[in-house]
Amino acid sequence: MSKGYWVVIYRQLGSVDSLKGYSEVAMPAVKSRGARFIARGGRVAAFEAAEECRTTLIEFDSYEDALAAYKSNEYRAALSRLGSDVVREVRVVEGLIG
């Protein structure tokens, strides 16, 4: 079974309060589903048409686990804490190796 990954790119960060409120609920929600944070807010070098934005990479045991975590009620509660001033791209990606 291939691993699953979330790739989250923050185009606009917004207020510290909305990010903090989101993180307080999101971290336990995804960790309870086996999430392992591979990268979170570190240095980024962007190439081609990309911009250097805060990026988070999260690994799950499977693609299905990654999708289920995103669609879970617990994570939906976290998303409701993000203000409209936060603009992100979120992708769920299937890995090549199990």
N, C-alpha and C. Protein backbone atom coordinates (compact mmCIF):
# COMPACT_ATOMS: atom_id res chain seq x y z
N MET A 1 0.85 -1.17 0.00
CA MET A 1 0.00 0.00 0.00
C MET A 1 0.90 1.24 0.00
N SER A 2 0.59 2.17 -0.86
CA SER A 2 1.38 3.40 -0.97
C SER A 2 1.00 4.40 0.12
N LYS A 3 1.97 5.14 0.57
CA LYS A 3 1.73 6.18 1.56
C LYS A 3 0.94 7.32 0.90
N GLY A 4 0.33 8.14 1.74
CA GLY A 4 -0.38 9.31 1.27
C GLY A 4 0.24 10.56 1.89
N TYR A 5 0.16 11.66 1.18
CA TYR A 5 0.77 12.91 1.63
C TYR A 5 -0.19 14.07 1.44
N TRP A 6 -0.15 14.99 2.38
CA TRP A 6 -0.77 16.29 2.19
C TRP A 6 0.35 17.25 1.84
N VAL A 7 0.13 18.03 0.80
CA VAL A 7 1.01 19.14 0.47
C VAL A 7 0.16 20.40 0.62
N VAL A 8 0.55 21.24 1.57
CA VAL A 8 -0.22 22.44 1.87
C VAL A 8 0.66 23.66 1.61
N ILE A 9 0.21 24.52 0.71
CA ILE A 9 0.96 25.72 0.34
C ILE A 9 0.13 26.93 0.76
N TYR A 10 0.71 27.73 1.62
CA TYR A 10 0.03 28.92 2.12
C TYR A 10 0.35 30.11 1.22
N ARG A 11 -0.59 30.51 0.39
CA ARG A 11 -0.42 31.66 -0.50
C ARG A 11 -0.51 32.97 0.28
N GLN A 12 -1.37 32.99 1.29
CA GLN A 12 -1.54 34.17 2.14
C GLN A 12 -1.76 33.66 3.56
N LEU A 13 -0.94 34.13 4.50
CA LEU A 13 -0.97 33.59 5.86
C LEU A 13 -2.08 34.15 6.74
N GLY A 14 -2.43 35.40 6.59
CA GLY A 14 -3.48 35.96 7.42
C GLY A 14 -3.01 36.25 8.82
N SER A 15 -3.94 36.28 9.75
CA SER A 15 -3.63 36.68 11.13
C SER A 15 -3.03 35.53 11.92
N VAL A 16 -2.21 35.88 12.88
CA VAL A 16 -1.60 34.89 13.76
C VAL A 16 -2.68 34.17 14.56
N ASP A 17 -3.72 34.88 14.97
CA ASP A 17 -4.79 34.29 15.78
C ASP A 17 -5.54 33.20 15.02
N SER A 18 -5.86 33.44 13.74
CA SER A 18 -6.59 32.43 12.99
C SER A 18 -5.72 31.20 12.75
N LEU A 19 -4.43 31.39 12.50
CA LEU A 19 -3.53 30.24 12.31
C LEU A 19 -3.36 29.46 13.61
N LYS A 20 -3.27 30.17 14.72
CA LYS A 20 -3.11 29.51 16.02
C LYS A 20 -4.36 28.70 16.36
N GLY A 21 -5.53 29.29 16.16
CA GLY A 21 -6.78 28.59 16.44
C GLY A 21 -6.94 27.35 15.57
N TYR A 22 -6.57 27.48 14.31
CA TYR A 22 -6.61 26.34 13.39
C TYR A 22 -5.66 25.24 13.86
N SER A 23 -4.43 25.61 14.15
CA SER A 23 -3.41 24.64 14.53
C SER A 23 -3.78 23.88 15.80
N GLU A 24 -4.38 24.57 16.77
CA GLU A 24 -4.76 23.93 18.03
C GLU A 24 -5.75 22.78 17.82
N VAL A 25 -6.57 22.88 16.79
CA VAL A 25 -7.56 21.83 16.52
C VAL A 25 -7.05 20.88 15.44
N ALA A 26 -6.34 21.40 14.45
CA ALA A 26 -5.88 20.58 13.33
C ALA A 26 -4.83 19.54 13.74
N MET A 27 -3.87 19.95 14.58
CA MET A 27 -2.79 19.04 14.95
C MET A 27 -3.32 17.75 15.58
N PRO A 28 -4.15 17.82 16.63
CA PRO A 28 -4.66 16.57 17.19
C PRO A 28 -5.56 15.80 16.22
N ALA A 29 -6.29 16.53 15.38
CA ALA A 29 -7.20 15.87 14.44
C ALA A 29 -6.43 15.00 13.45
N VAL A 30 -5.34 15.51 12.90
CA VAL A 30 -4.60 14.73 11.90
C VAL A 30 -3.66 13.72 12.57
N LYS A 31 -3.09 14.07 13.71
CA LYS A 31 -2.21 13.13 14.40
C LYS A 31 -2.97 11.90 14.87
N SER A 32 -4.24 12.06 15.22
CA SER A 32 -5.05 10.92 15.63
C SER A 32 -5.29 9.96 14.47
N ARG A 33 -5.04 10.42 13.26
CA ARG A 33 -5.19 9.58 12.07
C ARG A 33 -3.84 9.15 11.50
N GLY A 34 -2.80 9.27 12.33
CA GLY A 34 -1.49 8.76 11.95
C GLY A 34 -0.59 9.73 11.20
N ALA A 35 -0.92 11.00 11.19
CA ALA A 35 -0.11 11.99 10.46
C ALA A 35 1.29 12.12 11.06
N ARG A 36 2.28 12.25 10.18
CA ARG A 36 3.65 12.55 10.56
C ARG A 36 4.09 13.77 9.78
N PHE A 37 4.46 14.81 10.48
CA PHE A 37 4.86 16.05 9.83
C PHE A 37 6.29 15.91 9.32
N ILE A 38 6.46 16.04 8.01
CA ILE A 38 7.76 15.90 7.36
C ILE A 38 8.41 17.28 7.22
N ALA A 39 7.63 18.26 6.86
CA ALA A 39 8.11 19.64 6.73
C ALA A 39 6.99 20.56 7.17
N ARG A 40 7.39 21.64 7.88
CA ARG A 40 6.35 22.57 8.37
C ARG A 40 6.96 23.95 8.56
N GLY A 41 6.81 24.81 7.56
CA GLY A 41 7.20 26.20 7.70
C GLY A 41 8.68 26.48 7.61
N GLY A 42 9.47 25.53 7.16
CA GLY A 42 10.91 25.76 7.03
C GLY A 42 11.26 26.52 5.75
N ARG A 43 12.53 26.51 5.43
CA ARG A 43 12.99 27.23 4.24
C ARG A 43 12.42 26.60 2.97
N VAL A 44 12.13 27.45 1.99
CA VAL A 44 11.58 27.02 0.71
C VAL A 44 12.34 27.73 -0.40
N ALA A 45 12.74 26.98 -1.39
CA ALA A 45 13.29 27.55 -2.63
C ALA A 45 12.30 27.21 -3.73
N ALA A 46 11.76 28.22 -4.38
CA ALA A 46 10.72 28.02 -5.40
C ALA A 46 11.33 28.23 -6.79
N PHE A 47 10.90 27.42 -7.73
CA PHE A 47 11.42 27.51 -9.09
C PHE A 47 10.27 27.50 -10.10
N GLU A 48 10.58 27.88 -11.30
CA GLU A 48 9.64 27.95 -12.42
C GLU A 48 8.50 28.90 -12.08
N ALA A 49 7.26 28.48 -12.11
CA ALA A 49 6.15 29.42 -11.89
C ALA A 49 5.73 29.51 -10.42
N ALA A 50 6.51 28.90 -9.52
CA ALA A 50 6.14 28.84 -8.10
C ALA A 50 6.60 30.08 -7.33
N GLU A 51 5.95 30.30 -6.19
CA GLU A 51 6.33 31.38 -5.27
C GLU A 51 6.86 30.74 -4.00
N GLU A 52 7.75 31.44 -3.31
CA GLU A 52 8.27 30.95 -2.04
C GLU A 52 7.24 31.24 -0.95
N CYS A 53 6.49 30.21 -0.59
CA CYS A 53 5.41 30.31 0.39
C CYS A 53 5.62 29.28 1.49
N ARG A 54 5.03 29.56 2.63
CA ARG A 54 5.06 28.58 3.71
C ARG A 54 4.46 27.28 3.17
N THR A 55 5.13 26.16 3.42
CA THR A 55 4.69 24.87 2.90
C THR A 55 4.75 23.83 4.01
N THR A 56 3.74 22.97 4.04
CA THR A 56 3.69 21.88 4.99
C THR A 56 3.55 20.57 4.22
N LEU A 57 4.32 19.57 4.63
CA LEU A 57 4.24 18.24 4.03
C LEU A 57 3.95 17.25 5.16
N ILE A 58 2.85 16.51 5.02
CA ILE A 58 2.41 15.57 6.05
C ILE A 58 2.27 14.19 5.42
N GLU A 59 2.83 13.18 6.09
CA GLU A 59 2.78 11.80 5.60
C GLU A 59 1.76 11.00 6.39
N PHE A 60 1.03 10.14 5.68
CA PHE A 60 0.08 9.20 6.27
C PHE A 60 0.43 7.79 5.80
N ASP A 61 -0.06 6.78 6.50
CA ASP A 61 0.24 5.40 6.14
C ASP A 61 -0.27 5.02 4.76
N SER A 62 -1.35 5.68 4.30
CA SER A 62 -1.90 5.38 2.98
C SER A 62 -2.59 6.61 2.40
N TYR A 63 -2.81 6.57 1.11
CA TYR A 63 -3.55 7.63 0.42
C TYR A 63 -4.95 7.75 1.01
N GLU A 64 -5.57 6.58 1.28
CA GLU A 64 -6.92 6.56 1.83
C GLU A 64 -6.96 7.21 3.22
N ASP A 65 -5.92 6.96 4.02
CA ASP A 65 -5.85 7.59 5.34
C ASP A 65 -5.73 9.11 5.22
N ALA A 66 -4.94 9.56 4.25
CA ALA A 66 -4.76 10.99 4.04
C ALA A 66 -6.08 11.65 3.63
N LEU A 67 -6.81 11.01 2.72
CA LEU A 67 -8.12 11.54 2.31
C LEU A 67 -9.11 11.55 3.48
N ALA A 68 -9.14 10.45 4.23
CA ALA A 68 -10.07 10.35 5.35
C ALA A 68 -9.78 11.42 6.40
N ALA A 69 -8.50 11.70 6.64
CA ALA A 69 -8.14 12.73 7.61
C ALA A 69 -8.66 14.09 7.16
N TYR A 70 -8.49 14.39 5.87
CA TYR A 70 -8.94 15.69 5.37
C TYR A 70 -10.46 15.82 5.45
N LYS A 71 -11.16 14.74 5.19
CA LYS A 71 -12.62 14.78 5.16
C LYS A 71 -13.27 14.57 6.53
N SER A 72 -12.46 14.32 7.56
CA SER A 72 -13.00 14.01 8.88
C SER A 72 -13.70 15.22 9.51
N ASN A 73 -14.65 14.93 10.37
CA ASN A 73 -15.35 15.99 11.09
C ASN A 73 -14.40 16.80 11.97
N GLU A 74 -13.42 16.11 12.56
CA GLU A 74 -12.45 16.79 13.42
C GLU A 74 -11.64 17.81 12.64
N TYR A 75 -11.21 17.43 11.45
CA TYR A 75 -10.42 18.37 10.64
C TYR A 75 -11.32 19.48 10.09
N ARG A 76 -12.54 19.17 9.76
CA ARG A 76 -13.49 20.20 9.30
C ARG A 76 -13.66 21.28 10.38
N ALA A 77 -13.67 20.87 11.63
CA ALA A 77 -13.77 21.83 12.73
C ALA A 77 -12.55 22.74 12.75
N ALA A 78 -11.39 22.18 12.45
CA ALA A 78 -10.16 23.00 12.38
C ALA A 78 -10.26 24.00 11.23
N LEU A 79 -10.74 23.55 10.08
CA LEU A 79 -10.85 24.44 8.92
C LEU A 79 -11.76 25.62 9.20
N SER A 80 -12.78 25.40 10.01
CA SER A 80 -13.71 26.49 10.32
C SER A 80 -13.02 27.61 11.09
N ARG A 81 -11.86 27.33 11.69
CA ARG A 81 -11.12 28.34 12.44
C ARG A 81 -10.20 29.19 11.57
N LEU A 82 -9.98 28.76 10.35
CA LEU A 82 -9.16 29.57 9.44
C LEU A 82 -9.99 30.76 8.97
N GLY A 83 -9.48 31.91 9.11
CA GLY A 83 -10.20 33.08 8.64
C GLY A 83 -10.14 33.20 7.12
N SER A 84 -10.90 34.09 6.58
CA SER A 84 -10.90 34.32 5.14
C SER A 84 -9.60 34.98 4.68
N ASP A 85 -8.77 35.38 5.65
CA ASP A 85 -7.49 36.01 5.30
C ASP A 85 -6.38 34.98 5.08
N VAL A 86 -6.69 33.69 5.22
CA VAL A 86 -5.73 32.62 4.94
C VAL A 86 -6.11 31.99 3.60
N VAL A 87 -5.17 31.99 2.67
CA VAL A 87 -5.39 31.40 1.35
C VAL A 87 -4.38 30.28 1.17
N ARG A 88 -4.89 29.06 0.92
CA ARG A 88 -4.01 27.90 0.81
C ARG A 88 -4.38 27.05 -0.39
N GLU A 89 -3.42 26.26 -0.80
CA GLU A 89 -3.65 25.16 -1.73
C GLU A 89 -3.36 23.89 -0.97
N VAL A 90 -4.27 22.93 -1.04
CA VAL A 90 -4.07 21.65 -0.36
C VAL A 90 -4.22 20.55 -1.40
N ARG A 91 -3.23 19.67 -1.41
CA ARG A 91 -3.28 18.52 -2.31
C ARG A 91 -3.08 17.26 -1.48
N VAL A 92 -3.83 16.21 -1.81
CA VAL A 92 -3.59 14.89 -1.25
C VAL A 92 -2.97 14.08 -2.38
N VAL A 93 -1.78 13.55 -2.11
CA VAL A 93 -0.98 12.91 -3.16
C VAL A 93 -0.66 11.47 -2.74
N GLU A 94 -0.78 10.56 -3.67
CA GLU A 94 -0.40 9.16 -3.43
C GLU A 94 1.09 8.99 -3.70
N GLY A 95 1.79 8.34 -2.75
CA GLY A 95 3.21 8.08 -2.91
C GLY A 95 3.45 6.91 -3.86
N LEU A 96 4.69 6.78 -4.30
CA LEU A 96 5.05 5.70 -5.20
C LEU A 96 5.46 4.43 -4.48
N ILE A 97 5.95 4.58 -3.25
CA ILE A 97 6.47 3.45 -2.50
C ILE A 97 5.67 3.28 -1.21
N GLY A 98 5.35 2.07 -0.86
CA GLY A 98 4.57 1.78 0.33
C GLY A 98 5.32 1.89 1.61
